[in-house]
Amino acid sequence: MPVIDRYFKFVTESNASDLHLTTGSPPMVRVHGELKSINHPPFKNEDLYKIITEIMNDRVRKEFEEKNRPTSYMSLETRADFAATLSRNALASGLSHD
C-alpha cells in the first residue's frame, strides 16, 4: 500500500477537503476552510519526493521530472475520490479530496 494512503485515510476520517504536503512542513489538512497541521514531523525533501512519486505511473513521473521549473504544475488522478496538483517548487504538493 502506498504511504500516501494513510494521509488520504486521515483526510477522509477528518472530513477534510484538502491535504497539503510541503517540504519543511508537517502535513496540513483543510477542515471547514481552516488549515490544521497533523501531528507529524516536517517532511524532508527526499521523503516527500518518495511519497508523491510512489503513486505516479512512468509517463507522469517522467513529465514531473522533466518540468523542473518552479511554476510547473500537473494534475494526477490518485484514487477514486482524490486529485492532486504537484509542483516542483520546493516539492510542494497539494492534494484535494472531492
N, C-alpha and C. Protein backbone atom coordinates (compact mmCIF):
# COMPACT_ATOMS: atom_id res chain seq x y z
N MET A 1 0.85 -1.17 0.00
CA MET A 1 0.00 0.00 0.00
C MET A 1 0.91 1.24 0.00
N PRO A 2 0.62 2.20 -0.89
CA PRO A 2 1.41 3.44 -0.91
C PRO A 2 1.30 4.20 0.42
N VAL A 3 2.39 4.82 0.82
CA VAL A 3 2.45 5.59 2.07
C VAL A 3 1.37 6.67 2.11
N ILE A 4 1.10 7.29 0.96
CA ILE A 4 0.15 8.41 0.94
C ILE A 4 -1.27 7.97 1.32
N ASP A 5 -1.55 6.67 1.19
CA ASP A 5 -2.89 6.20 1.55
C ASP A 5 -3.25 6.48 3.01
N ARG A 6 -2.26 6.44 3.90
CA ARG A 6 -2.59 6.73 5.31
C ARG A 6 -2.98 8.21 5.49
N TYR A 7 -2.41 9.09 4.67
CA TYR A 7 -2.79 10.50 4.72
C TYR A 7 -4.19 10.68 4.11
N PHE A 8 -4.46 9.97 3.01
CA PHE A 8 -5.80 10.04 2.42
C PHE A 8 -6.85 9.53 3.42
N LYS A 9 -6.51 8.48 4.16
CA LYS A 9 -7.43 7.95 5.16
C LYS A 9 -7.70 9.01 6.23
N PHE A 10 -6.65 9.70 6.68
CA PHE A 10 -6.82 10.75 7.67
C PHE A 10 -7.70 11.87 7.14
N VAL A 11 -7.50 12.25 5.87
CA VAL A 11 -8.34 13.29 5.24
C VAL A 11 -9.80 12.87 5.28
N THR A 12 -10.06 11.65 4.88
CA THR A 12 -11.44 11.15 4.85
C THR A 12 -12.05 11.10 6.25
N GLU A 13 -11.31 10.58 7.21
CA GLU A 13 -11.82 10.47 8.57
C GLU A 13 -12.00 11.83 9.24
N SER A 14 -11.25 12.83 8.80
CA SER A 14 -11.33 14.18 9.39
C SER A 14 -12.32 15.08 8.67
N ASN A 15 -12.98 14.55 7.64
CA ASN A 15 -13.88 15.35 6.81
C ASN A 15 -13.16 16.57 6.24
N ALA A 16 -11.87 16.38 5.91
CA ALA A 16 -11.07 17.47 5.34
C ALA A 16 -11.32 17.55 3.83
N SER A 17 -11.11 18.74 3.29
CA SER A 17 -11.27 18.93 1.85
C SER A 17 -9.93 18.91 1.12
N ASP A 18 -8.84 19.19 1.84
CA ASP A 18 -7.52 19.27 1.21
C ASP A 18 -6.46 18.67 2.11
N LEU A 19 -5.43 18.17 1.47
CA LEU A 19 -4.23 17.70 2.14
C LEU A 19 -3.06 18.44 1.53
N HIS A 20 -2.28 19.11 2.36
CA HIS A 20 -1.13 19.88 1.88
C HIS A 20 0.15 19.21 2.38
N LEU A 21 0.98 18.79 1.45
CA LEU A 21 2.26 18.16 1.77
C LEU A 21 3.35 19.05 1.19
N THR A 22 4.18 19.61 2.05
CA THR A 22 5.20 20.55 1.62
C THR A 22 6.51 20.25 2.33
N THR A 23 7.60 20.27 1.59
CA THR A 23 8.92 20.07 2.18
C THR A 23 9.16 21.12 3.27
N GLY A 24 9.64 20.66 4.41
CA GLY A 24 9.95 21.56 5.52
C GLY A 24 8.79 21.85 6.44
N SER A 25 7.62 21.28 6.15
CA SER A 25 6.43 21.50 6.99
C SER A 25 5.77 20.16 7.30
N PRO A 26 5.04 20.09 8.41
CA PRO A 26 4.26 18.88 8.66
C PRO A 26 3.07 18.85 7.71
N PRO A 27 2.45 17.69 7.52
CA PRO A 27 1.25 17.64 6.70
C PRO A 27 0.16 18.54 7.29
N MET A 28 -0.62 19.15 6.42
CA MET A 28 -1.72 20.02 6.84
C MET A 28 -2.99 19.55 6.14
N VAL A 29 -4.12 19.68 6.83
CA VAL A 29 -5.42 19.41 6.23
C VAL A 29 -6.29 20.65 6.35
N ARG A 30 -7.19 20.82 5.40
CA ARG A 30 -8.15 21.92 5.46
C ARG A 30 -9.49 21.34 5.88
N VAL A 31 -9.97 21.78 7.05
CA VAL A 31 -11.26 21.33 7.58
C VAL A 31 -12.12 22.56 7.77
N HIS A 32 -13.26 22.58 7.08
CA HIS A 32 -14.18 23.72 7.14
C HIS A 32 -13.45 25.04 6.88
N GLY A 33 -12.56 25.03 5.89
CA GLY A 33 -11.86 26.24 5.48
C GLY A 33 -10.65 26.60 6.30
N GLU A 34 -10.37 25.87 7.37
CA GLU A 34 -9.24 26.19 8.25
C GLU A 34 -8.14 25.15 8.10
N LEU A 35 -6.89 25.61 7.89
CA LEU A 35 -5.75 24.70 7.81
C LEU A 35 -5.31 24.27 9.20
N LYS A 36 -5.13 22.96 9.35
CA LYS A 36 -4.68 22.40 10.63
C LYS A 36 -3.54 21.45 10.36
N SER A 37 -2.51 21.50 11.19
CA SER A 37 -1.39 20.58 11.00
C SER A 37 -1.70 19.23 11.62
N ILE A 38 -1.13 18.22 11.02
CA ILE A 38 -1.22 16.85 11.52
C ILE A 38 -0.02 16.63 12.43
N ASN A 39 -0.19 15.88 13.48
CA ASN A 39 0.91 15.58 14.39
C ASN A 39 1.92 14.68 13.68
N HIS A 40 2.84 15.32 13.00
CA HIS A 40 3.84 14.62 12.19
C HIS A 40 5.02 15.56 12.04
N PRO A 41 6.24 15.03 12.02
CA PRO A 41 7.39 15.93 11.83
C PRO A 41 7.37 16.53 10.42
N PRO A 42 8.05 17.66 10.22
CA PRO A 42 8.13 18.25 8.89
C PRO A 42 8.76 17.27 7.90
N PHE A 43 8.27 17.34 6.65
CA PHE A 43 8.80 16.47 5.62
C PHE A 43 10.19 16.91 5.17
N LYS A 44 11.07 15.96 4.96
CA LYS A 44 12.33 16.20 4.27
C LYS A 44 12.04 16.08 2.78
N ASN A 45 12.82 16.77 1.98
CA ASN A 45 12.62 16.77 0.54
C ASN A 45 12.56 15.35 -0.04
N GLU A 46 13.52 14.51 0.35
CA GLU A 46 13.59 13.16 -0.21
C GLU A 46 12.41 12.29 0.24
N ASP A 47 11.91 12.51 1.45
CA ASP A 47 10.75 11.74 1.92
C ASP A 47 9.49 12.10 1.15
N LEU A 48 9.28 13.39 0.96
CA LEU A 48 8.09 13.82 0.23
C LEU A 48 8.18 13.40 -1.23
N TYR A 49 9.35 13.49 -1.81
CA TYR A 49 9.54 13.05 -3.20
C TYR A 49 9.15 11.58 -3.34
N LYS A 50 9.60 10.75 -2.42
CA LYS A 50 9.27 9.32 -2.47
C LYS A 50 7.76 9.10 -2.35
N ILE A 51 7.12 9.82 -1.45
CA ILE A 51 5.68 9.66 -1.24
C ILE A 51 4.90 10.00 -2.50
N ILE A 52 5.24 11.11 -3.15
CA ILE A 52 4.43 11.52 -4.30
C ILE A 52 4.78 10.75 -5.58
N THR A 53 6.04 10.37 -5.75
CA THR A 53 6.38 9.63 -6.97
C THR A 53 5.95 8.17 -6.88
N GLU A 54 5.74 7.68 -5.68
CA GLU A 54 5.31 6.29 -5.49
C GLU A 54 3.96 6.01 -6.17
N ILE A 55 3.12 7.03 -6.29
CA ILE A 55 1.79 6.81 -6.86
C ILE A 55 1.70 7.23 -8.32
N MET A 56 2.82 7.63 -8.93
CA MET A 56 2.82 8.05 -10.33
C MET A 56 3.12 6.88 -11.25
N ASN A 57 2.49 6.88 -12.42
CA ASN A 57 2.91 5.92 -13.43
C ASN A 57 4.16 6.47 -14.13
N ASP A 58 4.77 5.68 -14.99
CA ASP A 58 6.04 6.08 -15.62
C ASP A 58 5.92 7.36 -16.43
N ARG A 59 4.83 7.52 -17.18
CA ARG A 59 4.64 8.70 -18.01
C ARG A 59 4.55 9.97 -17.16
N VAL A 60 3.77 9.91 -16.11
CA VAL A 60 3.58 11.07 -15.24
C VAL A 60 4.87 11.39 -14.50
N ARG A 61 5.58 10.35 -14.03
CA ARG A 61 6.84 10.57 -13.31
C ARG A 61 7.86 11.25 -14.23
N LYS A 62 7.95 10.79 -15.47
CA LYS A 62 8.89 11.37 -16.43
C LYS A 62 8.56 12.84 -16.68
N GLU A 63 7.28 13.14 -16.88
CA GLU A 63 6.86 14.52 -17.11
C GLU A 63 7.17 15.39 -15.89
N PHE A 64 6.93 14.87 -14.71
CA PHE A 64 7.20 15.60 -13.47
C PHE A 64 8.70 15.89 -13.34
N GLU A 65 9.53 14.90 -13.67
CA GLU A 65 10.98 15.06 -13.58
C GLU A 65 11.49 16.09 -14.59
N GLU A 66 10.93 16.08 -15.78
CA GLU A 66 11.42 16.95 -16.85
C GLU A 66 11.01 18.41 -16.67
N LYS A 67 9.90 18.67 -16.03
CA LYS A 67 9.43 20.04 -15.83
C LYS A 67 10.00 20.56 -14.53
N ASN A 68 11.20 21.06 -14.61
CA ASN A 68 11.94 21.45 -13.42
C ASN A 68 11.87 22.96 -13.18
N ARG A 69 10.74 23.57 -13.52
CA ARG A 69 10.55 25.00 -13.29
C ARG A 69 9.65 25.17 -12.06
N PRO A 70 9.86 26.24 -11.28
CA PRO A 70 9.05 26.46 -10.08
C PRO A 70 7.56 26.58 -10.35
N THR A 71 7.19 27.00 -11.53
CA THR A 71 5.77 27.20 -11.80
C THR A 71 5.15 26.04 -12.57
N SER A 72 5.87 24.93 -12.72
CA SER A 72 5.29 23.81 -13.46
C SER A 72 4.37 23.01 -12.55
N TYR A 73 3.16 22.88 -12.97
CA TYR A 73 2.15 22.14 -12.23
C TYR A 73 1.58 21.06 -13.13
N MET A 74 1.07 20.03 -12.53
CA MET A 74 0.41 19.00 -13.29
C MET A 74 -0.65 18.36 -12.41
N SER A 75 -1.64 17.78 -13.06
CA SER A 75 -2.68 17.09 -12.31
C SER A 75 -2.42 15.60 -12.36
N LEU A 76 -2.84 14.93 -11.33
CA LEU A 76 -2.62 13.50 -11.21
C LEU A 76 -3.84 12.88 -10.55
N GLU A 77 -4.44 11.93 -11.22
CA GLU A 77 -5.53 11.19 -10.61
C GLU A 77 -4.91 10.17 -9.67
N THR A 78 -5.21 10.23 -8.40
CA THR A 78 -4.56 9.36 -7.43
C THR A 78 -5.45 8.20 -6.98
N ARG A 79 -6.62 8.47 -6.58
CA ARG A 79 -7.58 7.46 -6.15
C ARG A 79 -8.94 7.96 -6.62
N ALA A 80 -9.95 7.14 -6.47
CA ALA A 80 -11.27 7.49 -6.97
C ALA A 80 -11.76 8.85 -6.47
N ASP A 81 -11.51 9.18 -5.21
CA ASP A 81 -12.02 10.41 -4.64
C ASP A 81 -10.96 11.50 -4.45
N PHE A 82 -9.78 11.31 -5.01
CA PHE A 82 -8.70 12.26 -4.80
C PHE A 82 -8.10 12.71 -6.12
N ALA A 83 -7.69 13.95 -6.15
CA ALA A 83 -6.94 14.50 -7.27
C ALA A 83 -5.76 15.26 -6.67
N ALA A 84 -4.70 15.41 -7.45
CA ALA A 84 -3.51 16.08 -6.93
C ALA A 84 -3.01 17.13 -7.89
N THR A 85 -2.46 18.17 -7.33
CA THR A 85 -1.71 19.16 -8.08
C THR A 85 -0.31 19.17 -7.51
N LEU A 86 0.66 18.91 -8.36
CA LEU A 86 2.03 18.78 -7.91
C LEU A 86 2.87 19.89 -8.49
N SER A 87 3.77 20.40 -7.68
CA SER A 87 4.66 21.48 -8.10
C SER A 87 6.09 21.14 -7.75
N ARG A 88 7.00 21.44 -8.66
CA ARG A 88 8.42 21.23 -8.37
C ARG A 88 8.95 22.34 -7.47
N ASN A 89 8.14 23.34 -7.18
CA ASN A 89 8.57 24.44 -6.33
C ASN A 89 8.77 23.92 -4.91
N ALA A 90 9.99 23.59 -4.56
CA ALA A 90 10.34 23.03 -3.25
C ALA A 90 9.54 21.76 -2.95
N LEU A 91 9.16 21.06 -4.00
CA LEU A 91 8.36 19.84 -3.88
C LEU A 91 7.09 20.07 -3.07
N ALA A 92 6.50 21.22 -3.20
CA ALA A 92 5.22 21.50 -2.53
C ALA A 92 4.13 20.75 -3.27
N SER A 93 3.28 20.08 -2.53
CA SER A 93 2.21 19.29 -3.14
C SER A 93 0.92 19.54 -2.41
N GLY A 94 -0.13 19.82 -3.13
CA GLY A 94 -1.45 19.96 -2.53
C GLY A 94 -2.37 18.90 -3.09
N LEU A 95 -3.05 18.20 -2.26
CA LEU A 95 -3.96 17.16 -2.70
C LEU A 95 -5.36 17.50 -2.19
N SER A 96 -6.31 17.43 -3.10
CA SER A 96 -7.69 17.78 -2.74
C SER A 96 -8.56 16.56 -2.72
N HIS A 97 -9.45 16.52 -1.78
CA HIS A 97 -10.43 15.43 -1.66
C HIS A 97 -11.75 15.97 -2.18
N ASP A 98 -12.31 15.30 -3.18
CA ASP A 98 -13.60 15.74 -3.75
C ASP A 98 -14.78 15.15 -3.00
